Amino acid sequence: MSRKANKIKQRVSNIFSAAGFLTPGLILFFIFFLLPLVYSFRISMFDWNAIRPEKSEFIGIANYLEVIKDPIFLRSVINTIGYTIVTVSMQMFFGIFIAILLDRNIKGKTAFRVLYYLPVVTSWVIVSLLFEYMFNGQAGLINYVLVDVLHIAKDNIQWFADPILAMIPISVLGIWKGMGWTAVIYLAGLQSVPSSLYEAARVDGANSVKMFTKITMPYLKSITAFLVVVLTIGGLNAYISGLLMTDGGNPMDLTHFVLTLMYEETFTNMNFGVGSAISVLLTVFVFIISFFQMKMLLKGED
């Protein structure tokens, strides 16, 4: 058998081997993501009858027009984007700060890593209810500290009675919940930076700030891009904390996230067409944002 034939045979063998590993994942992706997405898009084009789907009336893009014109939906978009910007930026800031501290030779480093990562594996439901209690307007721990201990406020703050104030505990929860995961990813990246670069920089008289901006961050550029995209997707899909802490958009539907509004339209108002339209719009928006983030953050890299 010729060398060319052997190469072709080896290549075919590699393709079949790769297909064997990829097929189970592709099947799950098709069943649990692609197929529901296509079906959701189909529902969004109908005045959907959940009892008798065959009786559903095709209305084209009417559901999308209704969603876009809805002021509550526009408010939910603003809330979601604002929450994402705040939580992602703060998670990145605290994450790299914690990672740098944990990368040093300190006693109990392993224990600190576990403590910082614990919020990540804690149930969203449990911590959402805990934060709701802590920020309770009558007997919450935060009000007790602000009023009775620090004397910063004269009266109890009604956190969840105001749509702007309500976003504070939700955002704090999001930051606290995700910064440990960000720190772990950054920590893995820091350990891959050659120590010889820092030693050479010290010899040249570079201070800590210079080494951080000229050595550390350039080496972590691809990791930063990954974190920004993943954290942004997570922020745009905020749901459980908003649903539990504001009882699904209270007061007056002004604290809705896009997903909590989608849930309300679909399962409370039984308006499946509008709910599906919201889900499709969110999916498209997340895809576009993620694509441009990757292009911008990795610009100039090989």
C-alpha atoms as a PDB file:
ATOM      1  CA  MET A   1       0.000   0.000   0.000  1.00  0.00           C
ATOM      2  CA  SER A   2       1.375   3.423  -0.968  1.00  0.00           C
ATOM      3  CA  ARG A   3       2.231   6.178   1.493  1.00  0.00           C
ATOM      4  CA  LYS A   4      -0.610   8.339   0.133  1.00  0.00           C
ATOM      5  CA  ALA A   5      -3.132   5.547   0.699  1.00  0.00           C
ATOM      6  CA  ASN A   6      -1.878   5.113   4.252  1.00  0.00           C
ATOM      7  CA  LYS A   7      -2.340   8.824   4.928  1.00  0.00           C
ATOM      8  CA  ILE A   8      -5.890   8.717   3.577  1.00  0.00           C
ATOM      9  CA  LYS A   9      -6.676   5.653   5.684  1.00  0.00           C
ATOM     10  CA  GLN A  10      -5.243   7.338   8.793  1.00  0.00           C
ATOM     11  CA  ARG A  11      -7.221  10.491   8.114  1.00  0.00           C
ATOM     12  CA  VAL A  12     -10.468   8.534   7.696  1.00  0.00           C
ATOM     13  CA  SER A  13      -9.713   6.649  10.901  1.00  0.00           C
ATOM     14  CA  ASN A  14      -9.169   9.944  12.751  1.00  0.00           C
ATOM     15  CA  ILE A  15     -12.438  11.328  11.402  1.00  0.00           C
ATOM     16  CA  PHE A  16     -14.381   8.289  12.600  1.00  0.00           C
ATOM     17  CA  SER A  17     -12.683   8.453  16.006  1.00  0.00           C
ATOM     18  CA  ALA A  18     -13.530  12.139  16.373  1.00  0.00           C
ATOM     19  CA  ALA A  19     -17.101  11.492  15.239  1.00  0.00           C
ATOM     20  CA  GLY A  20     -17.459   8.824  17.905  1.00  0.00           C
ATOM     21  CA  PHE A  21     -16.582  11.329  20.611  1.00  0.00           C
ATOM     22  CA  LEU A  22     -18.574  14.218  19.157  1.00  0.00           C
ATOM     23  CA  THR A  23     -21.785  12.403  18.223  1.00  0.00           C
ATOM     24  CA  PRO A  24     -23.239  12.011  21.773  1.00  0.00           C
ATOM     25  CA  GLY A  25     -22.685  15.702  22.462  1.00  0.00           C
ATOM     26  CA  LEU A  26     -24.126  16.731  19.105  1.00  0.00           C
ATOM     27  CA  ILE A  27     -27.212  14.579  19.710  1.00  0.00           C
ATOM     28  CA  LEU A  28     -27.783  16.217  23.105  1.00  0.00           C
ATOM     29  CA  PHE A  29     -27.187  19.667  21.573  1.00  0.00           C
ATOM     30  CA  PHE A  30     -29.774  18.936  18.879  1.00  0.00           C
ATOM     31  CA  ILE A  31     -32.383  17.520  21.274  1.00  0.00           C
ATOM     32  CA  PHE A  32     -32.084  19.998  24.146  1.00  0.00           C
ATOM     33  CA  PHE A  33     -30.999  23.210  22.383  1.00  0.00           C
ATOM     34  CA  LEU A  34     -31.436  23.352  18.628  1.00  0.00           C
ATOM     35  CA  LEU A  35     -34.782  21.560  18.394  1.00  0.00           C
ATOM     36  CA  PRO A  36     -36.425  23.582  21.229  1.00  0.00           C
ATOM     37  CA  LEU A  37     -35.056  26.789  19.700  1.00  0.00           C
ATOM     38  CA  VAL A  38     -36.561  26.012  16.296  1.00  0.00           C
ATOM     39  CA  TYR A  39     -39.869  24.998  17.882  1.00  0.00           C
ATOM     40  CA  SER A  40     -39.903  28.155  19.992  1.00  0.00           C
ATOM     41  CA  PHE A  41     -39.386  30.231  16.845  1.00  0.00           C
ATOM     42  CA  ARG A  42     -42.335  28.412  15.252  1.00  0.00           C
ATOM     43  CA  ILE A  43     -44.566  29.143  18.258  1.00  0.00           C
ATOM     44  CA  SER A  44     -43.561  32.821  18.155  1.00  0.00           C
ATOM     45  CA  MET A  45     -45.145  33.138  14.702  1.00  0.00           C
ATOM     46  CA  PHE A  46     -48.561  31.958  15.941  1.00  0.00           C
ATOM     47  CA  ASP A  47     -51.338  32.998  18.275  1.00  0.00           C
ATOM     48  CA  TRP A  48     -50.539  29.752  20.021  1.00  0.00           C
ATOM     49  CA  ASN A  49     -53.292  27.559  21.434  1.00  0.00           C
ATOM     50  CA  ALA A  50     -51.642  25.420  24.118  1.00  0.00           C
ATOM     51  CA  ILE A  51     -54.688  23.140  24.432  1.00  0.00           C
ATOM     52  CA  ARG A  52     -55.226  22.607  20.710  1.00  0.00           C
ATOM     53  CA  PRO A  53     -51.966  23.476  18.905  1.00  0.00           C
ATOM     54  CA  GLU A  54     -53.483  22.553  15.550  1.00  0.00           C
ATOM     55  CA  LYS A  55     -56.006  25.376  16.055  1.00  0.00           C
ATOM     56  CA  SER A  56     -53.265  27.993  16.427  1.00  0.00           C
ATOM     57  CA  GLU A  57     -53.528  30.947  14.066  1.00  0.00           C
ATOM     58  CA  PHE A  58     -50.495  32.097  12.077  1.00  0.00           C
ATOM     59  CA  ILE A  59     -49.907  35.823  12.698  1.00  0.00           C
ATOM     60  CA  GLY A  60     -46.362  36.317  11.390  1.00  0.00           C
ATOM     61  CA  ILE A  61     -44.257  38.862  13.258  1.00  0.00           C
ATOM     62  CA  ALA A  62     -47.195  40.319  15.212  1.00  0.00           C
ATOM     63  CA  ASN A  63     -45.873  38.846  18.483  1.00  0.00           C
ATOM     64  CA  TYR A  64     -42.481  40.458  17.898  1.00  0.00           C
ATOM     65  CA  LEU A  65     -44.059  43.830  17.192  1.00  0.00           C
ATOM     66  CA  GLU A  66     -46.145  43.535  20.352  1.00  0.00           C
ATOM     67  CA  VAL A  67     -43.053  42.723  22.394  1.00  0.00           C
ATOM     68  CA  ILE A  68     -40.939  45.556  20.981  1.00  0.00           C
ATOM     69  CA  LYS A  69     -43.705  48.120  21.594  1.00  0.00           C
ATOM     70  CA  ASP A  70     -44.300  46.934  25.169  1.00  0.00           C
ATOM     71  CA  PRO A  71     -42.793  49.457  27.665  1.00  0.00           C
ATOM     72  CA  ILE A  72     -42.427  46.703  30.259  1.00  0.00           C
ATOM     73  CA  PHE A  73     -40.265  44.722  27.848  1.00  0.00           C
ATOM     74  CA  LEU A  74     -38.116  47.788  27.160  1.00  0.00           C
ATOM     75  CA  ARG A  75     -37.717  48.276  30.917  1.00  0.00           C
ATOM     76  CA  SER A  76     -36.746  44.625  31.313  1.00  0.00           C
ATOM     77  CA  VAL A  77     -34.076  45.058  28.623  1.00  0.00           C
ATOM     78  CA  ILE A  78     -32.664  48.104  30.436  1.00  0.00           C
ATOM     79  CA  ASN A  79     -32.671  46.208  33.750  1.00  0.00           C
ATOM     80  CA  THR A  80     -30.961  43.196  32.196  1.00  0.00           C
ATOM     81  CA  ILE A  81     -28.269  45.208  30.410  1.00  0.00           C
ATOM     82  CA  GLY A  82     -27.617  47.358  33.488  1.00  0.00           C
ATOM     83  CA  TYR A  83     -27.380  44.279  35.704  1.00  0.00           C
ATOM     84  CA  THR A  84     -25.005  42.633  33.228  1.00  0.00           C
ATOM     85  CA  ILE A  85     -22.692  45.643  32.968  1.00  0.00           C
ATOM     86  CA  VAL A  86     -22.451  46.052  36.743  1.00  0.00           C
ATOM     87  CA  THR A  87     -22.039  42.390  37.644  1.00  0.00           C
ATOM     88  CA  VAL A  88     -19.619  41.488  34.852  1.00  0.00           C
ATOM     89  CA  SER A  89     -17.328  44.467  35.497  1.00  0.00           C
ATOM     90  CA  MET A  90     -17.296  43.879  39.261  1.00  0.00           C
ATOM     91  CA  GLN A  91     -16.807  40.124  38.920  1.00  0.00           C
ATOM     92  CA  MET A  92     -13.834  40.752  36.636  1.00  0.00           C
ATOM     93  CA  PHE A  93     -12.355  43.349  39.008  1.00  0.00           C
ATOM     94  CA  PHE A  94     -12.726  41.313  42.188  1.00  0.00           C
ATOM     95  CA  GLY A  95     -11.881  38.087  40.360  1.00  0.00           C
ATOM     96  CA  ILE A  96      -8.449  39.251  39.149  1.00  0.00           C
ATOM     97  CA  PHE A  97      -7.745  40.883  42.526  1.00  0.00           C
ATOM     98  CA  ILE A  98      -8.546  37.680  44.426  1.00  0.00           C
ATOM     99  CA  ALA A  99      -6.613  35.574  41.898  1.00  0.00           C
ATOM    100  CA  ILE A 100      -3.474  37.693  42.357  1.00  0.00           C
ATOM    101  CA  LEU A 101      -3.725  37.338  46.136  1.00  0.00           C
ATOM    102  CA  LEU A 102      -4.249  33.565  45.937  1.00  0.00           C
ATOM    103  CA  ASP A 103      -1.351  33.206  43.516  1.00  0.00           C
ATOM    104  CA  ARG A 104       1.071  34.294  46.212  1.00  0.00           C
ATOM    105  CA  ASN A 105       2.656  32.021  48.796  1.00  0.00           C
ATOM    106  CA  ILE A 106       0.371  32.535  51.786  1.00  0.00           C
ATOM    107  CA  LYS A 107      -0.660  30.188  54.567  1.00  0.00           C
ATOM    108  CA  GLY A 108      -3.989  28.448  54.085  1.00  0.00           C
ATOM    109  CA  LYS A 109      -4.079  29.225  50.363  1.00  0.00           C
ATOM    110  CA  THR A 110      -6.103  26.088  49.604  1.00  0.00           C
ATOM    111  CA  ALA A 111      -8.676  26.931  52.279  1.00  0.00           C
ATOM    112  CA  PHE A 112      -9.085  30.456  50.876  1.00  0.00           C
ATOM    113  CA  ARG A 113      -9.613  29.044  47.382  1.00  0.00           C
ATOM    114  CA  VAL A 114     -12.397  26.819  48.697  1.00  0.00           C
ATOM    115  CA  LEU A 115     -14.026  29.681  50.609  1.00  0.00           C
ATOM    116  CA  TYR A 116     -14.033  31.975  47.585  1.00  0.00           C
ATOM    117  CA  TYR A 117     -15.465  29.219  45.378  1.00  0.00           C
ATOM    118  CA  LEU A 118     -18.240  28.149  47.789  1.00  0.00           C
ATOM    119  CA  PRO A 119     -20.742  30.794  46.575  1.00  0.00           C
ATOM    120  CA  VAL A 120     -20.436  29.366  43.043  1.00  0.00           C
ATOM    121  CA  VAL A 121     -21.709  25.936  44.066  1.00  0.00           C
ATOM    122  CA  THR A 122     -24.364  27.261  46.460  1.00  0.00           C
ATOM    123  CA  SER A 123     -27.961  27.035  45.254  1.00  0.00           C
ATOM    124  CA  TRP A 124     -29.286  30.197  43.590  1.00  0.00           C
ATOM    125  CA  VAL A 125     -32.618  29.645  45.333  1.00  0.00           C
ATOM    126  CA  ILE A 126     -31.081  29.461  48.808  1.00  0.00           C
ATOM    127  CA  VAL A 127     -28.838  32.517  48.456  1.00  0.00           C
ATOM    128  CA  SER A 128     -31.619  34.533  46.770  1.00  0.00           C
ATOM    129  CA  LEU A 129     -33.926  33.913  49.738  1.00  0.00           C
ATOM    130  CA  LEU A 130     -31.052  34.675  52.119  1.00  0.00           C
ATOM    131  CA  PHE A 131     -30.319  38.016  50.428  1.00  0.00           C
ATOM    132  CA  GLU A 132     -34.039  38.823  50.373  1.00  0.00           C
ATOM    133  CA  TYR A 133     -34.068  38.366  54.160  1.00  0.00           C
ATOM    134  CA  MET A 134     -30.853  40.385  54.617  1.00  0.00           C
ATOM    135  CA  PHE A 135     -32.278  43.314  52.625  1.00  0.00           C
ATOM    136  CA  ASN A 136     -35.731  43.110  54.182  1.00  0.00           C
ATOM    137  CA  GLY A 137     -37.181  46.595  54.628  1.00  0.00           C
ATOM    138  CA  GLN A 138     -38.391  45.974  58.177  1.00  0.00           C
ATOM    139  CA  ALA A 139     -36.082  43.588  60.001  1.00  0.00           C
ATOM    140  CA  GLY A 140     -33.228  42.917  57.591  1.00  0.00           C
ATOM    141  CA  LEU A 141     -29.596  42.619  58.619  1.00  0.00           C
ATOM    142  CA  ILE A 142     -28.447  45.335  56.191  1.00  0.00           C
ATOM    143  CA  ASN A 143     -30.888  47.891  57.592  1.00  0.00           C
ATOM    144  CA  TYR A 144     -29.842  46.958  61.135  1.00  0.00           C
ATOM    145  CA  VAL A 145     -26.189  47.614  60.268  1.00  0.00           C
ATOM    146  CA  LEU A 146     -26.903  50.877  58.397  1.00  0.00           C
ATOM    147  CA  VAL A 147     -29.349  52.313  60.959  1.00  0.00           C
ATOM    148  CA  ASP A 148     -28.406  50.893  64.372  1.00  0.00           C
ATOM    149  CA  VAL A 149     -24.701  50.091  64.030  1.00  0.00           C
ATOM    150  CA  LEU A 150     -23.162  52.563  61.568  1.00  0.00           C
ATOM    151  CA  HIS A 151     -25.915  55.235  61.850  1.00  0.00           C
ATOM    152  CA  ILE A 152     -25.575  55.971  58.136  1.00  0.00           C
ATOM    153  CA  ALA A 153     -29.346  55.936  57.578  1.00  0.00           C
ATOM    154  CA  LYS A 154     -32.005  57.393  59.873  1.00  0.00           C
ATOM    155  CA  ASP A 155     -34.799  55.037  58.860  1.00  0.00           C
ATOM    156  CA  ASN A 156     -35.044  51.573  57.389  1.00  0.00           C
ATOM    157  CA  ILE A 157     -34.553  51.504  53.633  1.00  0.00           C
ATOM    158  CA  GLN A 158     -37.358  49.813  51.695  1.00  0.00           C
ATOM    159  CA  TRP A 159     -35.089  48.058  49.243  1.00  0.00           C
ATOM    160  CA  PHE A 160     -37.714  46.129  47.310  1.00  0.00           C
ATOM    161  CA  ALA A 161     -40.329  48.904  47.255  1.00  0.00           C
ATOM    162  CA  ASP A 162     -38.286  50.995  44.838  1.00  0.00           C
ATOM    163  CA  PRO A 163     -37.393  49.636  41.359  1.00  0.00           C
ATOM    164  CA  ILE A 164     -33.937  51.243  41.398  1.00  0.00           C
ATOM    165  CA  LEU A 165     -33.034  50.242  44.945  1.00  0.00           C
ATOM    166  CA  ALA A 166     -34.262  46.705  44.276  1.00  0.00           C
ATOM    167  CA  MET A 167     -31.494  46.245  41.702  1.00  0.00           C
ATOM    168  CA  ILE A 168     -28.824  46.835  44.367  1.00  0.00           C
ATOM    169  CA  PRO A 169     -29.309  43.588  46.358  1.00  0.00           C
ATOM    170  CA  ILE A 170     -29.852  41.632  43.137  1.00  0.00           C
ATOM    171  CA  SER A 171     -26.609  42.990  41.666  1.00  0.00           C
ATOM    172  CA  VAL A 172     -24.669  42.435  44.904  1.00  0.00           C
ATOM    173  CA  LEU A 173     -25.840  38.831  44.897  1.00  0.00           C
ATOM    174  CA  GLY A 174     -24.775  38.389  41.282  1.00  0.00           C
ATOM    175  CA  ILE A 175     -21.308  39.808  41.996  1.00  0.00           C
ATOM    176  CA  TRP A 176     -20.809  37.713  45.138  1.00  0.00           C
ATOM    177  CA  LYS A 177     -22.034  34.573  43.397  1.00  0.00           C
ATOM    178  CA  GLY A 178     -19.736  34.821  40.385  1.00  0.00           C
ATOM    179  CA  MET A 179     -16.473  36.404  41.507  1.00  0.00           C
ATOM    180  CA  GLY A 180     -15.138  33.131  42.965  1.00  0.00           C
ATOM    181  CA  TRP A 181     -15.499  31.354  39.617  1.00  0.00           C
ATOM    182  CA  THR A 182     -13.829  34.278  37.851  1.00  0.00           C
ATOM    183  CA  ALA A 183     -10.978  34.166  40.366  1.00  0.00           C
ATOM    184  CA  VAL A 184     -10.396  30.448  39.790  1.00  0.00           C
ATOM    185  CA  ILE A 185     -10.203  30.911  36.006  1.00  0.00           C
ATOM    186  CA  TYR A 186      -7.842  33.855  36.363  1.00  0.00           C
ATOM    187  CA  LEU A 187      -5.744  31.925  38.879  1.00  0.00           C
ATOM    188  CA  ALA A 188      -5.233  29.124  36.360  1.00  0.00           C
ATOM    189  CA  GLY A 189      -4.119  31.723  33.814  1.00  0.00           C
ATOM    190  CA  LEU A 190      -1.721  33.405  36.250  1.00  0.00           C
ATOM    191  CA  GLN A 191       0.061  30.146  36.921  1.00  0.00           C
ATOM    192  CA  SER A 192       0.848  29.837  33.207  1.00  0.00           C
ATOM    193  CA  VAL A 193       2.707  33.179  33.066  1.00  0.00           C
ATOM    194  CA  PRO A 194       6.485  32.497  32.999  1.00  0.00           C
ATOM    195  CA  SER A 195       8.104  33.680  36.237  1.00  0.00           C
ATOM    196  CA  SER A 196      11.232  34.607  34.264  1.00  0.00           C
ATOM    197  CA  LEU A 197       9.350  37.554  32.755  1.00  0.00           C
ATOM    198  CA  TYR A 198       8.636  39.009  36.200  1.00  0.00           C
ATOM    199  CA  GLU A 199      12.255  38.474  37.262  1.00  0.00           C
ATOM    200  CA  ALA A 200      13.542  40.252  34.169  1.00  0.00           C
ATOM    201  CA  ALA A 201      11.076  43.105  34.736  1.00  0.00           C
ATOM    202  CA  ARG A 202      12.265  43.541  38.331  1.00  0.00           C
ATOM    203  CA  VAL A 203      15.866  43.705  37.149  1.00  0.00           C
ATOM    204  CA  ASP A 204      14.833  46.469  34.731  1.00  0.00           C
ATOM    205  CA  GLY A 205      13.233  48.364  37.620  1.00  0.00           C
ATOM    206  CA  ALA A 206       9.560  47.770  36.782  1.00  0.00           C
ATOM    207  CA  ASN A 207       7.115  48.174  39.660  1.00  0.00           C
ATOM    208  CA  SER A 208       4.058  46.000  40.380  1.00  0.00           C
ATOM    209  CA  VAL A 209       1.716  48.173  38.322  1.00  0.00           C
ATOM    210  CA  LYS A 210       3.977  48.025  35.278  1.00  0.00           C
ATOM    211  CA  MET A 211       4.339  44.243  35.548  1.00  0.00           C
ATOM    212  CA  PHE A 212       0.584  43.870  35.860  1.00  0.00           C
ATOM    213  CA  THR A 213      -0.230  46.025  32.818  1.00  0.00           C
ATOM    214  CA  LYS A 214       2.682  44.949  30.576  1.00  0.00           C
ATOM    215  CA  ILE A 215       3.050  41.262  31.472  1.00  0.00           C
ATOM    216  CA  THR A 216       0.092  39.852  33.392  1.00  0.00           C
ATOM    217  CA  MET A 217      -2.860  41.297  31.475  1.00  0.00           C
ATOM    218  CA  PRO A 218      -1.440  40.675  27.962  1.00  0.00           C
ATOM    219  CA  TYR A 219      -0.898  37.033  28.911  1.00  0.00           C
ATOM    220  CA  LEU A 220      -4.456  36.843  30.248  1.00  0.00           C
ATOM    221  CA  LYS A 221      -6.064  38.455  27.193  1.00  0.00           C
ATOM    222  CA  SER A 222      -7.624  35.271  25.822  1.00  0.00           C
ATOM    223  CA  ILE A 223      -8.835  34.270  29.300  1.00  0.00           C
ATOM    224  CA  THR A 224     -10.295  37.737  29.788  1.00  0.00           C
ATOM    225  CA  ALA A 225     -12.123  37.430  26.468  1.00  0.00           C
ATOM    226  CA  PHE A 226     -13.518  34.052  27.513  1.00  0.00           C
ATOM    227  CA  LEU A 227     -14.651  35.380  30.900  1.00  0.00           C
ATOM    228  CA  VAL A 228     -16.279  38.503  29.461  1.00  0.00           C
ATOM    229  CA  VAL A 229     -18.291  36.453  26.965  1.00  0.00           C
ATOM    230  CA  VAL A 230     -19.344  33.748  29.442  1.00  0.00           C
ATOM    231  CA  LEU A 231     -20.175  36.206  32.236  1.00  0.00           C
ATOM    232  CA  THR A 232     -22.120  38.415  29.828  1.00  0.00           C
ATOM    233  CA  ILE A 233     -24.185  35.446  28.689  1.00  0.00           C
ATOM    234  CA  GLY A 234     -24.844  34.603  32.329  1.00  0.00           C
ATOM    235  CA  GLY A 235     -25.828  38.180  33.141  1.00  0.00           C
ATOM    236  CA  LEU A 236     -28.226  38.435  30.207  1.00  0.00           C
ATOM    237  CA  ASN A 237     -29.836  35.195  31.383  1.00  0.00           C
ATOM    238  CA  ALA A 238     -30.458  36.458  34.926  1.00  0.00           C
ATOM    239  CA  TYR A 239     -33.625  34.851  36.233  1.00  0.00           C
ATOM    240  CA  ILE A 240     -33.817  33.130  39.629  1.00  0.00           C
ATOM    241  CA  SER A 241     -32.647  36.029  41.804  1.00  0.00           C
ATOM    242  CA  GLY A 242     -35.011  38.472  40.097  1.00  0.00           C
ATOM    243  CA  LEU A 243     -37.931  36.061  40.257  1.00  0.00           C
ATOM    244  CA  LEU A 244     -37.547  35.303  43.969  1.00  0.00           C
ATOM    245  CA  MET A 245     -36.319  38.613  45.378  1.00  0.00           C
ATOM    246  CA  THR A 246     -38.859  40.842  43.600  1.00  0.00           C
ATOM    247  CA  ASP A 247     -41.644  38.276  43.341  1.00  0.00           C
ATOM    248  CA  GLY A 248     -41.356  38.366  39.574  1.00  0.00           C
ATOM    249  CA  GLY A 249     -41.066  42.072  38.705  1.00  0.00           C
ATOM    250  CA  ASN A 250     -42.558  43.963  41.649  1.00  0.00           C
ATOM    251  CA  PRO A 251     -43.164  46.803  42.150  1.00  0.00           C
ATOM    252  CA  MET A 252     -45.393  47.487  39.140  1.00  0.00           C
ATOM    253  CA  ASP A 253     -43.448  45.186  36.799  1.00  0.00           C
ATOM    254  CA  LEU A 254     -40.492  47.615  36.876  1.00  0.00           C
ATOM    255  CA  THR A 255     -37.835  45.145  38.095  1.00  0.00           C
ATOM    256  CA  HIS A 256     -38.359  42.496  35.440  1.00  0.00           C
ATOM    257  CA  PHE A 257     -35.453  40.854  33.695  1.00  0.00           C
ATOM    258  CA  VAL A 258     -36.041  39.617  30.164  1.00  0.00           C
ATOM    259  CA  LEU A 259     -36.343  36.014  31.372  1.00  0.00           C
ATOM    260  CA  THR A 260     -38.695  36.809  34.251  1.00  0.00           C
ATOM    261  CA  LEU A 261     -40.937  38.691  31.819  1.00  0.00           C
ATOM    262  CA  MET A 262     -40.792  35.748  29.422  1.00  0.00           C
ATOM    263  CA  TYR A 263     -41.831  33.413  32.253  1.00  0.00           C
ATOM    264  CA  GLU A 264     -44.706  35.680  33.249  1.00  0.00           C
ATOM    265  CA  GLU A 265     -46.006  36.010  29.689  1.00  0.00           C
ATOM    266  CA  THR A 266     -45.711  32.284  29.027  1.00  0.00           C
ATOM    267  CA  PHE A 267     -46.852  30.604  32.223  1.00  0.00           C
ATOM    268  CA  THR A 268     -48.832  33.297  34.069  1.00  0.00           C
ATOM    269  CA  ASN A 269     -50.559  35.031  31.176  1.00  0.00           C
ATOM    270  CA  MET A 270     -50.515  31.837  29.044  1.00  0.00           C
ATOM    271  CA  ASN A 271     -49.390  33.920  26.072  1.00  0.00           C
ATOM    272  CA  PHE A 272     -47.033  31.370  24.552  1.00  0.00           C
ATOM    273  CA  GLY A 273     -46.496  33.270  21.309  1.00  0.00           C
ATOM    274  CA  VAL A 274     -45.287  36.425  23.058  1.00  0.00           C
ATOM    275  CA  GLY A 275     -43.168  34.425  25.504  1.00  0.00           C
ATOM    276  CA  SER A 276     -41.512  32.551  22.638  1.00  0.00           C
ATOM    277  CA  ALA A 277     -40.892  35.811  20.777  1.00  0.00           C
ATOM    278  CA  ILE A 278     -39.091  37.187  23.849  1.00  0.00           C
ATOM    279  CA  SER A 279     -36.937  34.053  24.079  1.00  0.00           C
ATOM    280  CA  VAL A 280     -35.990  34.250  20.392  1.00  0.00           C
ATOM    281  CA  LEU A 281     -35.096  37.948  20.653  1.00  0.00           C
ATOM    282  CA  LEU A 282     -32.933  37.239  23.708  1.00  0.00           C
ATOM    283  CA  THR A 283     -31.158  34.367  21.936  1.00  0.00           C
ATOM    284  CA  VAL A 284     -30.367  36.515  18.907  1.00  0.00           C
ATOM    285  CA  PHE A 285     -29.194  39.395  21.098  1.00  0.00           C
ATOM    286  CA  VAL A 286     -26.905  37.133  23.173  1.00  0.00           C
ATOM    287  CA  PHE A 287     -25.409  35.651  20.002  1.00  0.00           C
ATOM    288  CA  ILE A 288     -24.714  39.072  18.465  1.00  0.00           C
ATOM    289  CA  ILE A 289     -23.219  40.481  21.678  1.00  0.00           C
ATOM    290  CA  SER A 290     -21.008  37.415  22.180  1.00  0.00           C
ATOM    291  CA  PHE A 291     -19.801  37.499  18.571  1.00  0.00           C
ATOM    292  CA  PHE A 292     -18.757  41.144  18.674  1.00  0.00           C
ATOM    293  CA  GLN A 293     -17.195  40.760  22.129  1.00  0.00           C
ATOM    294  CA  MET A 294     -14.978  37.957  20.864  1.00  0.00           C
ATOM    295  CA  LYS A 295     -14.025  39.934  17.756  1.00  0.00           C
ATOM    296  CA  MET A 296     -13.114  43.027  19.759  1.00  0.00           C
ATOM    297  CA  LEU A 297     -11.325  41.352  22.655  1.00  0.00           C
ATOM    298  CA  LEU A 298      -9.266  39.007  20.479  1.00  0.00           C
ATOM    299  CA  LYS A 299      -8.508  41.594  17.804  1.00  0.00           C
ATOM    300  CA  GLY A 300      -4.892  41.363  16.691  1.00  0.00           C
ATOM    301  CA  GLU A 301      -4.257  37.893  18.158  1.00  0.00           C
ATOM    302  CA  ASP A 302      -2.996  35.017  16.051  1.00  0.00           C
END
